[in-house]
Amino acid sequence: MSVCTALVVGFVAAINLAVPELAASALRPTSSDLLWIVDAYVVIFACLVIPAGAAGDKLGRKGTLLTGLAVFAAGAIVSATAPNVAVMLIGRAVTGLGAACVLPNCVGILLHATAPERRTHALAVWAAASGIGGVVGNVGGGAVLTAGSWRTLFIAVAVTAAACLAWAARSAPRSPRHERTLDLPGTLLFVAAVVALLIGIIEGPEQGWGSAVVLTAFAVSVVLGVSWVLVELRVAHPMLDPRLFRNPGLSSASLGMTVVFFGNFGLFYVNASLLQYGRGFSVLQTGLGIMPLTIPLLVGTRYVPSLIRRFGAAATLAVAFLLGSAGLIWLSYASTMAYPVYAAALVVIGLGIMLAAPCLTAQIASALPVERAGIAGGLQSATRELGSALGVAVVGTILTAGFTHSLPAALQAHSPVPRTVKEALTLAPSDHTAISQAFTHGADTALRAAALIVLFAGALVVAGARRGREAARL
C-alpha cells in the first residue's frame, strides 16, 4: 500500500520535471496547455478521491484499488503515445481517475488488515510514504528523463503501476463491503464544487486573482458547496456528512493536512527551479537535491506514535509546524549558500513533516468508524491535494511577483514584462546573472511567505487539536 501511495503522489512531482521538454516537443503546447497538462491530473484526482473512497466502502476496497491501478496505467499509456495536446489531456485525466481510486482505498485496506493496536504505526508508515512520494517522483522522474524522453517517463509510470497491480492482487486482503446507497446528488455537487474551486486556484496565477474567470470559479464553488451541504444534511446516507466537521479534532486535522502539503508542494515548486536556475543543477541533480528531506521520514517515522502518546497530539503538532516554518525561513537564506547548508534546512522541514503527517492521519482516521475507512482515506487525500494545489498557486504567484519586480530596468520596461526565466533570457541573454539573481530573490520571498502561512495556519491547527482533546475528555 505504501508503494502504491508513493506512485500516485510522486507522479504529481515527476511531471513538473518534464515541463521544459514537453514545451519543446512536437505537441507544441501553449503556456496554458502546459499548465493543464500538469494540473488535469490534480483536478480529477482531488475532486474524485472522496467519492472513490465511498465507492470502495460499498463495492469493495481491493477491487476498487486494483481497478484504479489498471486505469492509472492505461491513462499513462495514452499520455505516452499522445500525438497532440488533446489526447495528452485525456490521458492525464484518466490517470487522475485511477489515482483517485487508489489512494483512499490504500488507507481502507491498511485499517482493515491491521490489528487495532498496530493501526497507529501502520498509518504512520503510510503517512511517511505519502510524504516521501513527492521526493520519489523528483528523483525517479529526474533519472528517467535523463535516460530517456517525456514519453519514457509515462511508459515507466505505466509499467510501475502494472507491477503494483500484480503485487496488490497477490498481497492485499479483501475487506467486507458495506450496504450503503450511493449518494449520487451529493457526489455530483461535491465534485462540481471542488472542480470550480481548483479551477480558480490554478488559473489565479495566470489570469490574475481578481480576473472574471477566477472570481466566477470561486463564486460557483461557494454556491455549489452550500448546495452540497444542504443536500447532505437531508439524505439518509450522505457521502460525507458535513456535521462531522463539528468535531474540532477532525476539522483541525483536515486543515493541518492542507497546511502540511501547502508547504511541501510550495517547496517542491520553488526548489526544482531554484536548484536549476540558482545553482545550475541538471534535472537529475535537482531530483537528488531534495533527498535530505526524506532522511527524517525514513529514520524517525517509527518513533512518532510513541511521541504522540507521551506528549499529546497538540504538542507534537506545535513542534511540527514550528520546524516546518523554521526550515522554510532557513532555506530562504540558504539559497545562495553552500549546498550542505541548504540540505540542512531540508532536513529540518523533513522533521516537521515526519511529526505532522502521522499525527494528522491518525486523527482523521480515528474520527470516522472503521467501516468508513475509504471516506477517511478520501478526506486525507482530498485535503492533501487541495494543499498541494494551493501551495503551487500561492507560492508561484509570490515568486513571479518578486521575480518581475527584481528584473533589470530594461526588462521591467518591456511589454509584457517576462514572467519566467526562459522568457527573460530570450529577451536579454547577456543579463543571465541579473536574471538568475532576480529569480533567487523571488524564490526567497516566496519561501518566507510560505513559512509565515505555515506558522499562523499551524497555530489554528494546534488550537483545534487542543479543543478536540478537551471535547473528548468531556
Protein backbone atom coordinates (compact mmCIF):
# COMPACT_ATOMS: atom_id res chain seq x y z
CA MET A 1 0.00 0.00 0.00
CA SER A 2 2.92 2.33 0.68
CA VAL A 3 4.41 1.74 -2.78
CA CYS A 4 1.02 2.35 -4.46
CA THR A 5 0.71 5.56 -2.45
CA ALA A 6 4.20 6.78 -3.35
CA LEU A 7 3.44 6.08 -7.03
CA VAL A 8 0.30 8.22 -7.30
CA VAL A 9 1.68 11.02 -5.10
CA GLY A 10 5.07 11.01 -6.82
CA PHE A 11 3.54 11.36 -10.28
CA VAL A 12 2.38 14.87 -9.28
CA ALA A 13 6.00 15.89 -8.74
CA ALA A 14 7.56 13.93 -11.62
CA ILE A 15 5.53 15.61 -14.35
CA ASN A 16 6.83 19.05 -13.33
CA LEU A 17 10.35 17.98 -14.30
CA ALA A 18 9.13 17.11 -17.80
CA VAL A 19 7.59 20.53 -18.48
CA PRO A 20 10.64 22.05 -20.28
CA GLU A 21 10.89 19.01 -22.59
CA LEU A 22 7.14 18.99 -23.20
CA ALA A 23 7.28 22.70 -24.07
CA ALA A 24 9.81 21.97 -26.83
CA SER A 25 8.10 18.77 -28.05
CA ALA A 26 6.17 18.08 -31.24
CA LEU A 27 2.95 18.54 -29.26
CA ARG A 28 3.60 22.32 -29.50
CA PRO A 29 1.67 23.17 -26.30
CA THR A 30 0.90 26.77 -25.36
CA SER A 31 1.70 28.01 -21.84
CA SER A 32 -1.94 27.38 -20.89
CA ASP A 33 -1.73 23.85 -22.36
CA LEU A 34 1.34 23.13 -20.24
CA LEU A 35 -0.46 24.31 -17.14
CA TRP A 36 -3.34 21.91 -17.77
CA ILE A 37 -1.06 19.02 -18.73
CA VAL A 38 0.28 19.31 -15.19
CA ASP A 39 -2.99 20.13 -13.44
CA ALA A 40 -5.57 17.92 -15.24
CA TYR A 41 -4.29 15.00 -13.14
CA VAL A 42 -4.51 17.00 -9.90
CA VAL A 43 -8.03 18.31 -10.61
CA ILE A 44 -9.55 14.90 -11.41
CA PHE A 45 -7.58 13.25 -8.60
CA ALA A 46 -8.68 15.78 -5.96
CA CYS A 47 -12.35 16.05 -6.91
CA LEU A 48 -12.96 12.28 -7.16
CA VAL A 49 -10.88 10.96 -4.29
CA ILE A 50 -13.66 11.15 -1.65
CA PRO A 51 -16.32 9.63 -3.95
CA ALA A 52 -13.82 6.89 -4.87
CA GLY A 53 -13.27 6.19 -1.17
CA ALA A 54 -17.05 5.89 -0.70
CA ALA A 55 -17.21 3.55 -3.70
CA GLY A 56 -14.53 1.38 -2.10
CA ASP A 57 -16.52 1.19 1.15
CA LYS A 58 -19.59 -0.05 -0.75
CA LEU A 59 -18.16 -2.08 -3.65
CA GLY A 60 -15.00 -3.47 -2.04
CA ARG A 61 -11.70 -1.72 -1.41
CA LYS A 62 -9.39 -4.26 -3.02
CA GLY A 63 -11.41 -4.37 -6.23
CA THR A 64 -11.59 -0.58 -6.39
CA LEU A 65 -7.83 -0.34 -5.76
CA LEU A 66 -6.98 -2.86 -8.49
CA THR A 67 -9.34 -1.15 -10.93
CA GLY A 68 -7.72 2.17 -10.10
CA LEU A 69 -4.22 0.84 -10.77
CA ALA A 70 -5.36 -0.56 -14.14
CA VAL A 71 -6.98 2.76 -15.10
CA PHE A 72 -3.88 4.64 -13.90
CA ALA A 73 -1.62 2.51 -16.13
CA ALA A 74 -3.98 2.89 -19.12
CA GLY A 75 -4.02 6.68 -18.73
CA ALA A 76 -0.23 6.78 -18.60
CA ILE A 77 -0.03 4.75 -21.84
CA VAL A 78 -2.48 7.14 -23.55
CA SER A 79 -0.27 10.08 -22.49
CA ALA A 80 2.90 8.29 -23.62
CA THR A 81 1.51 7.77 -27.13
CA ALA A 82 -0.32 11.12 -27.40
CA PRO A 83 0.02 12.69 -30.88
CA ASN A 84 -1.40 16.03 -29.72
CA VAL A 85 -2.32 18.04 -26.64
CA ALA A 86 -5.98 16.94 -26.62
CA VAL A 87 -5.06 13.24 -26.34
CA MET A 88 -2.42 14.10 -23.73
CA LEU A 89 -5.05 15.83 -21.59
CA ILE A 90 -7.41 12.85 -21.92
CA GLY A 91 -4.61 10.57 -20.75
CA ARG A 92 -3.82 12.84 -17.80
CA ALA A 93 -7.50 12.95 -16.78
CA VAL A 94 -7.80 9.15 -16.98
CA THR A 95 -4.65 8.76 -14.88
CA GLY A 96 -6.13 11.13 -12.28
CA LEU A 97 -9.28 8.98 -12.14
CA GLY A 98 -7.13 5.92 -11.47
CA ALA A 99 -5.17 7.73 -8.75
CA ALA A 100 -8.42 8.78 -7.06
CA CYS A 101 -9.42 5.10 -6.81
CA VAL A 102 -6.01 4.06 -5.49
CA LEU A 103 -5.13 6.45 -2.67
CA PRO A 104 -8.16 6.34 -0.31
CA ASN A 105 -8.52 2.58 -0.65
CA CYS A 106 -4.89 2.06 0.36
CA VAL A 107 -5.84 3.56 3.73
CA GLY A 108 -9.03 1.50 3.91
CA ILE A 109 -7.16 -1.75 3.23
CA LEU A 110 -4.50 -0.88 5.81
CA LEU A 111 -7.04 -0.16 8.53
CA HIS A 112 -8.81 -3.49 7.98
CA ALA A 113 -5.61 -5.51 7.56
CA THR A 114 -4.01 -4.21 10.76
CA ALA A 115 -4.85 -5.12 14.34
CA PRO A 116 -6.26 -2.15 16.32
CA GLU A 117 -3.15 -1.84 18.49
CA ARG A 118 -0.95 -1.61 15.36
CA ARG A 119 -3.07 0.81 13.33
CA THR A 120 -1.35 3.96 14.56
CA HIS A 121 2.02 2.54 13.50
CA ALA A 122 0.65 1.39 10.12
CA LEU A 123 -0.86 4.82 9.46
CA ALA A 124 2.44 6.46 10.41
CA VAL A 125 4.27 4.34 7.84
CA TRP A 126 1.63 5.16 5.22
CA ALA A 127 1.85 8.87 6.03
CA ALA A 128 5.63 8.73 5.63
CA ALA A 129 5.17 7.03 2.24
CA SER A 130 2.85 9.82 1.12
CA GLY A 131 5.41 12.39 2.23
CA ILE A 132 8.28 10.55 0.54
CA GLY A 133 6.20 10.15 -2.63
CA GLY A 134 6.95 13.67 -3.82
CA VAL A 135 10.67 13.11 -3.41
CA VAL A 136 10.44 9.71 -5.14
CA GLY A 137 8.74 11.48 -8.04
CA ASN A 138 11.51 14.06 -8.23
CA VAL A 139 14.34 11.53 -8.10
CA GLY A 140 12.72 8.84 -10.24
CA GLY A 141 11.39 11.35 -12.75
CA GLY A 142 14.79 13.02 -12.99
CA ALA A 143 16.53 9.69 -13.59
CA VAL A 144 14.05 8.58 -16.27
CA LEU A 145 14.10 11.95 -18.06
CA THR A 146 17.91 11.94 -18.03
CA ALA A 147 17.96 8.50 -19.65
CA GLY A 148 15.01 9.00 -22.00
CA SER A 149 12.24 11.38 -23.08
CA TRP A 150 8.96 12.53 -21.58
CA ARG A 151 7.29 9.59 -23.35
CA THR A 152 9.68 7.26 -21.50
CA LEU A 153 8.50 8.79 -18.20
CA PHE A 154 4.87 7.91 -18.90
CA ILE A 155 5.82 4.37 -20.02
CA ALA A 156 7.86 3.87 -16.82
CA VAL A 157 4.88 5.03 -14.74
CA ALA A 158 2.57 2.60 -16.58
CA VAL A 159 4.96 -0.32 -16.02
CA THR A 160 5.29 0.56 -12.32
CA ALA A 161 1.50 0.72 -11.95
CA ALA A 162 1.15 -2.71 -13.61
CA ALA A 163 3.72 -4.14 -11.18
CA CYS A 164 1.84 -2.60 -8.24
CA LEU A 165 -1.40 -4.12 -9.55
CA ALA A 166 0.14 -7.60 -9.63
CA TRP A 167 1.62 -7.16 -6.15
CA ALA A 168 -1.61 -5.81 -4.63
CA ALA A 169 -3.68 -8.56 -6.28
CA ARG A 170 -1.46 -11.14 -4.60
CA SER A 171 -0.93 -9.49 -1.21
CA ALA A 172 -3.81 -7.15 -0.31
CA PRO A 173 -6.60 -8.74 1.76
CA ARG A 174 -10.25 -8.26 0.92
CA SER A 175 -12.37 -6.25 3.35
CA PRO A 176 -16.14 -6.55 3.86
CA ARG A 177 -18.49 -4.45 1.78
CA HIS A 178 -21.00 -2.15 3.44
CA GLU A 179 -24.53 -1.89 2.13
CA ARG A 180 -24.96 1.85 1.80
CA THR A 181 -26.77 3.57 -1.04
CA LEU A 182 -24.50 5.70 -3.19
CA ASP A 183 -25.30 9.38 -2.68
CA LEU A 184 -25.36 10.44 -6.34
CA PRO A 185 -26.72 14.03 -5.94
CA GLY A 186 -24.29 14.78 -3.11
CA THR A 187 -21.40 13.25 -5.05
CA LEU A 188 -22.12 15.28 -8.19
CA LEU A 189 -22.44 18.54 -6.25
CA PHE A 190 -19.24 17.81 -4.32
CA VAL A 191 -17.26 17.02 -7.46
CA ALA A 192 -18.55 20.14 -9.25
CA ALA A 193 -17.74 22.37 -6.24
CA VAL A 194 -14.18 21.03 -5.97
CA VAL A 195 -13.60 21.36 -9.73
CA ALA A 196 -14.72 25.01 -9.63
CA LEU A 197 -12.53 25.69 -6.59
CA LEU A 198 -9.45 24.13 -8.20
CA ILE A 199 -10.01 25.97 -11.48
CA GLY A 200 -9.99 29.23 -9.53
CA ILE A 201 -6.82 28.26 -7.65
CA ILE A 202 -4.98 27.02 -10.75
CA GLU A 203 -5.97 29.92 -13.00
CA GLY A 204 -5.25 32.54 -10.31
CA PRO A 205 -1.52 32.93 -11.07
CA GLU A 206 -2.12 33.01 -14.85
CA GLN A 207 -5.33 35.05 -15.15
CA GLY A 208 -4.89 37.19 -12.02
CA TRP A 209 -6.67 36.65 -8.72
CA GLY A 210 -9.14 39.45 -9.48
CA SER A 211 -9.97 38.29 -13.01
CA ALA A 212 -13.51 37.43 -14.05
CA VAL A 213 -12.59 33.78 -14.67
CA VAL A 214 -11.12 33.28 -11.20
CA LEU A 215 -13.82 35.20 -9.30
CA THR A 216 -16.56 33.36 -11.20
CA ALA A 217 -14.93 29.99 -10.41
CA PHE A 218 -14.75 30.82 -6.70
CA ALA A 219 -18.34 32.11 -6.65
CA VAL A 220 -19.62 28.96 -8.39
CA SER A 221 -17.64 26.84 -5.93
CA VAL A 222 -19.27 28.59 -2.96
CA VAL A 223 -22.80 28.20 -4.39
CA LEU A 224 -22.23 24.53 -5.20
CA GLY A 225 -20.59 23.93 -1.83
CA VAL A 226 -23.57 25.39 0.05
CA SER A 227 -25.92 23.32 -2.12
CA TRP A 228 -23.89 20.20 -1.32
CA VAL A 229 -24.15 20.85 2.43
CA LEU A 230 -27.93 21.32 2.21
CA VAL A 231 -28.34 18.08 0.24
CA GLU A 232 -26.06 16.05 2.54
CA LEU A 233 -27.96 17.20 5.63
CA ARG A 234 -31.18 15.72 4.22
CA VAL A 235 -30.13 12.33 2.80
CA ALA A 236 -30.15 9.15 4.87
CA HIS A 237 -26.65 8.02 3.85
CA PRO A 238 -24.56 11.08 2.87
CA MET A 239 -21.28 10.54 1.04
CA LEU A 240 -19.57 12.79 3.62
CA ASP A 241 -21.73 14.16 6.43
CA PRO A 242 -20.87 17.88 6.93
CA ARG A 243 -21.84 17.53 10.61
CA LEU A 244 -18.68 15.52 11.15
CA PHE A 245 -16.73 18.76 10.95
CA ARG A 246 -18.33 19.92 14.20
CA ASN A 247 -15.66 17.68 15.72
CA PRO A 248 -12.78 20.15 16.29
CA GLY A 249 -10.25 17.33 16.08
CA LEU A 250 -11.40 16.30 12.58
CA SER A 251 -11.73 19.85 11.26
CA SER A 252 -8.32 20.92 12.61
CA ALA A 253 -6.66 17.74 11.30
CA SER A 254 -8.14 18.37 7.84
CA LEU A 255 -6.82 21.95 7.92
CA GLY A 256 -3.48 20.64 9.19
CA MET A 257 -3.12 18.19 6.30
CA THR A 258 -3.86 21.03 3.88
CA VAL A 259 -1.21 23.22 5.53
CA VAL A 260 1.46 20.49 5.55
CA PHE A 261 1.08 19.84 1.83
CA PHE A 262 0.74 23.55 1.08
CA GLY A 263 4.26 23.98 2.44
CA ASN A 264 5.52 20.72 0.96
CA PHE A 265 4.46 21.31 -2.65
CA GLY A 266 5.15 25.03 -2.45
CA LEU A 267 8.69 23.95 -1.56
CA PHE A 268 8.83 21.43 -4.43
CA TYR A 269 7.69 24.12 -6.87
CA VAL A 270 10.39 26.57 -5.75
CA ASN A 271 13.13 24.02 -5.17
CA ALA A 272 13.05 22.50 -8.66
CA SER A 273 13.68 25.84 -10.35
CA LEU A 274 15.92 27.25 -7.62
CA LEU A 275 18.40 24.39 -7.90
CA GLN A 276 18.42 24.54 -11.70
CA TYR A 277 18.49 28.32 -12.22
CA GLY A 278 20.24 29.35 -9.00
CA ARG A 279 22.81 26.56 -8.73
CA GLY A 280 22.99 25.23 -12.29
CA PHE A 281 21.91 21.70 -11.32
CA SER A 282 20.84 19.22 -14.00
CA VAL A 283 17.39 17.61 -13.90
CA LEU A 284 18.79 14.51 -12.17
CA GLN A 285 20.84 16.57 -9.71
CA THR A 286 17.71 18.56 -8.92
CA GLY A 287 15.80 15.37 -8.15
CA LEU A 288 18.61 14.14 -5.91
CA GLY A 289 18.98 17.58 -4.33
CA ILE A 290 15.69 17.22 -2.44
CA MET A 291 16.71 13.86 -0.91
CA PRO A 292 17.77 15.25 2.53
CA LEU A 293 14.09 15.96 3.14
CA THR A 294 13.40 12.21 3.29
CA ILE A 295 16.02 11.36 5.93
CA PRO A 296 13.76 12.10 8.94
CA LEU A 297 10.81 10.37 7.25
CA LEU A 298 12.83 7.20 6.67
CA VAL A 299 14.60 7.16 10.02
CA GLY A 300 12.23 8.73 12.52
CA THR A 301 8.66 7.86 11.50
CA ARG A 302 8.60 4.67 13.60
CA TYR A 303 9.06 6.74 16.77
CA VAL A 304 6.28 9.26 16.12
CA PRO A 305 3.35 7.21 17.56
CA SER A 306 5.18 6.87 20.90
CA LEU A 307 5.94 10.61 20.90
CA ILE A 308 2.25 11.36 20.34
CA ARG A 309 1.27 9.06 23.23
CA ARG A 310 3.80 10.69 25.53
CA PHE A 311 3.37 14.38 24.71
CA GLY A 312 -0.04 14.52 23.04
CA ALA A 313 -1.16 15.44 19.54
CA ALA A 314 -1.30 19.20 20.17
CA ALA A 315 2.29 19.43 21.44
CA THR A 316 3.56 17.19 18.63
CA LEU A 317 1.82 19.35 16.01
CA ALA A 318 3.12 22.57 17.60
CA VAL A 319 6.71 21.35 17.25
CA ALA A 320 5.99 20.08 13.72
CA PHE A 321 4.70 23.41 12.41
CA LEU A 322 7.47 25.36 14.16
CA LEU A 323 10.06 23.13 12.49
CA GLY A 324 8.36 23.40 9.08
CA SER A 325 8.19 27.18 9.27
CA ALA A 326 11.75 27.50 10.58
CA GLY A 327 13.04 25.22 7.81
CA LEU A 328 11.39 27.31 5.08
CA ILE A 329 12.84 30.51 6.56
CA TRP A 330 16.27 28.88 6.79
CA LEU A 331 16.00 27.69 3.19
CA SER A 332 15.23 31.23 2.00
CA TYR A 333 18.52 32.46 3.45
CA ALA A 334 20.50 29.39 2.36
CA SER A 335 19.56 29.63 -1.33
CA THR A 336 22.93 31.16 -2.22
CA MET A 337 24.99 29.36 0.44
CA ALA A 338 26.89 26.09 0.12
CA TYR A 339 24.64 23.13 -0.64
CA PRO A 340 25.23 21.39 2.76
CA VAL A 341 23.66 24.44 4.48
CA TYR A 342 20.72 24.23 2.07
CA ALA A 343 20.43 20.47 2.69
CA ALA A 344 20.35 21.01 6.46
CA ALA A 345 17.29 23.25 6.03
CA LEU A 346 15.60 20.47 4.06
CA VAL A 347 16.25 18.07 6.94
CA VAL A 348 14.53 20.50 9.35
CA ILE A 349 11.50 20.67 7.04
CA GLY A 350 11.52 16.87 6.83
CA LEU A 351 11.40 16.68 10.64
CA GLY A 352 8.28 18.82 10.62
CA ILE A 353 6.59 16.60 8.02
CA MET A 354 7.71 13.48 9.93
CA LEU A 355 5.91 14.67 13.06
CA ALA A 356 2.82 16.21 11.44
CA ALA A 357 1.74 13.69 8.79
CA PRO A 358 1.31 10.58 11.01
CA CYS A 359 -0.39 12.62 13.75
CA LEU A 360 -2.91 14.22 11.36
CA THR A 361 -3.52 10.93 9.52
CA ALA A 362 -4.34 9.16 12.78
CA GLN A 363 -6.64 11.99 13.89
CA ILE A 364 -8.69 11.85 10.68
CA ALA A 365 -8.86 8.04 10.69
CA SER A 366 -9.95 7.89 14.35
CA ALA A 367 -12.74 10.44 13.78
CA LEU A 368 -14.61 8.05 11.44
CA PRO A 369 -15.75 4.46 12.06
CA VAL A 370 -13.62 1.75 10.51
CA GLU A 371 -16.38 0.79 8.07
CA ARG A 372 -15.99 4.29 6.59
CA ALA A 373 -12.24 3.86 6.18
CA GLY A 374 -12.45 4.65 2.46
CA ILE A 375 -14.03 8.02 3.23
CA ALA A 376 -11.34 8.66 5.85
CA GLY A 377 -8.68 7.94 3.24
CA GLY A 378 -10.50 10.10 0.71
CA LEU A 379 -10.70 13.03 3.11
CA GLN A 380 -6.98 12.81 3.85
CA SER A 381 -6.20 12.61 0.15
CA ALA A 382 -8.54 15.48 -0.80
CA THR A 383 -7.07 17.84 1.79
CA ARG A 384 -3.59 16.85 0.67
CA GLU A 385 -4.34 17.58 -2.99
CA LEU A 386 -6.05 20.87 -2.11
CA GLY A 387 -3.00 21.89 -0.10
CA SER A 388 -0.69 20.89 -2.95
CA ALA A 389 -2.66 22.97 -5.47
CA LEU A 390 -2.78 25.95 -3.11
CA GLY A 391 0.94 25.67 -2.39
CA VAL A 392 1.89 25.76 -6.07
CA ALA A 393 -0.59 28.57 -6.87
CA VAL A 394 0.14 30.89 -3.94
CA VAL A 395 3.90 30.31 -3.80
CA GLY A 396 4.10 30.54 -7.59
CA THR A 397 2.25 33.87 -7.59
CA ILE A 398 4.54 35.37 -4.95
CA LEU A 399 7.63 34.04 -6.70
CA THR A 400 6.58 35.54 -10.05
CA ALA A 401 5.78 38.91 -8.46
CA GLY A 402 9.17 39.01 -6.70
CA PHE A 403 10.98 37.90 -9.86
CA THR A 404 9.41 40.54 -12.14
CA HIS A 405 9.97 43.27 -9.51
CA SER A 406 13.69 42.42 -9.31
CA LEU A 407 14.43 42.20 -13.05
CA PRO A 408 16.78 44.74 -14.67
CA ALA A 409 15.06 48.02 -15.57
CA ALA A 410 15.19 47.31 -19.32
CA LEU A 411 13.22 44.08 -18.88
CA GLN A 412 10.73 45.69 -16.49
CA ALA A 413 10.06 48.30 -19.18
CA HIS A 414 9.31 45.61 -21.76
CA SER A 415 5.63 44.97 -22.55
CA PRO A 416 4.64 42.44 -21.44
CA VAL A 417 7.14 42.00 -18.60
CA PRO A 418 8.70 38.50 -18.83
CA ARG A 419 7.27 36.20 -16.14
CA THR A 420 9.73 33.30 -16.41
CA VAL A 421 13.49 32.92 -16.55
CA LYS A 422 13.22 31.46 -20.06
CA GLU A 423 11.26 34.47 -21.35
CA ALA A 424 13.70 36.91 -19.72
CA LEU A 425 16.77 35.14 -21.14
CA THR A 426 15.21 35.10 -24.61
CA LEU A 427 14.87 38.90 -24.47
CA ALA A 428 18.22 39.61 -22.78
CA PRO A 429 20.62 36.65 -22.94
CA SER A 430 23.54 38.83 -21.81
CA ASP A 431 21.78 39.55 -18.48
CA HIS A 432 21.94 35.91 -17.34
CA THR A 433 23.45 36.70 -13.92
CA ALA A 434 21.00 39.50 -13.13
CA ILE A 435 18.04 37.37 -14.23
CA SER A 436 19.19 34.44 -12.09
CA GLN A 437 19.60 36.77 -9.11
CA ALA A 438 16.10 38.16 -9.70
CA PHE A 439 14.68 34.64 -9.69
CA THR A 440 16.54 33.78 -6.49
CA HIS A 441 15.17 36.92 -4.84
CA GLY A 442 11.61 35.98 -5.88
CA ALA A 443 12.09 32.43 -4.62
CA ASP A 444 13.42 33.65 -1.26
CA THR A 445 10.41 35.95 -0.86
CA ALA A 446 8.02 33.12 -1.72
CA LEU A 447 9.65 30.77 0.81
CA ARG A 448 9.38 33.37 3.59
CA ALA A 449 5.72 33.99 2.79
CA ALA A 450 5.07 30.23 2.84
CA ALA A 451 6.83 30.00 6.22
CA LEU A 452 4.53 32.64 7.72
CA ILE A 453 1.41 30.96 6.31
CA VAL A 454 2.51 27.58 7.71
CA LEU A 455 3.24 29.16 11.10
CA PHE A 456 -0.07 31.01 11.51
CA ALA A 457 -2.25 28.28 10.00
CA GLY A 458 -0.38 25.74 12.12
CA ALA A 459 -1.32 27.72 15.24
CA LEU A 460 -5.00 27.31 14.29
CA VAL A 461 -4.48 23.57 13.83
CA VAL A 462 -2.84 23.23 17.26
CA ALA A 463 -5.67 25.21 18.89
CA GLY A 464 -8.21 22.90 17.22
CA ALA A 465 -6.31 19.82 18.39
CA ARG A 466 -6.44 21.13 21.97
CA ARG A 467 -10.19 21.74 21.72
CA GLY A 468 -10.64 18.26 20.28
CA ARG A 469 -8.77 16.72 23.21
CA GLU A 470 -10.88 18.67 25.71
CA ALA A 471 -14.10 17.67 23.93
CA ALA A 472 -13.06 14.01 24.01
CA ARG A 473 -12.50 14.21 27.79
CA LEU A 474 -15.99 15.61 28.28
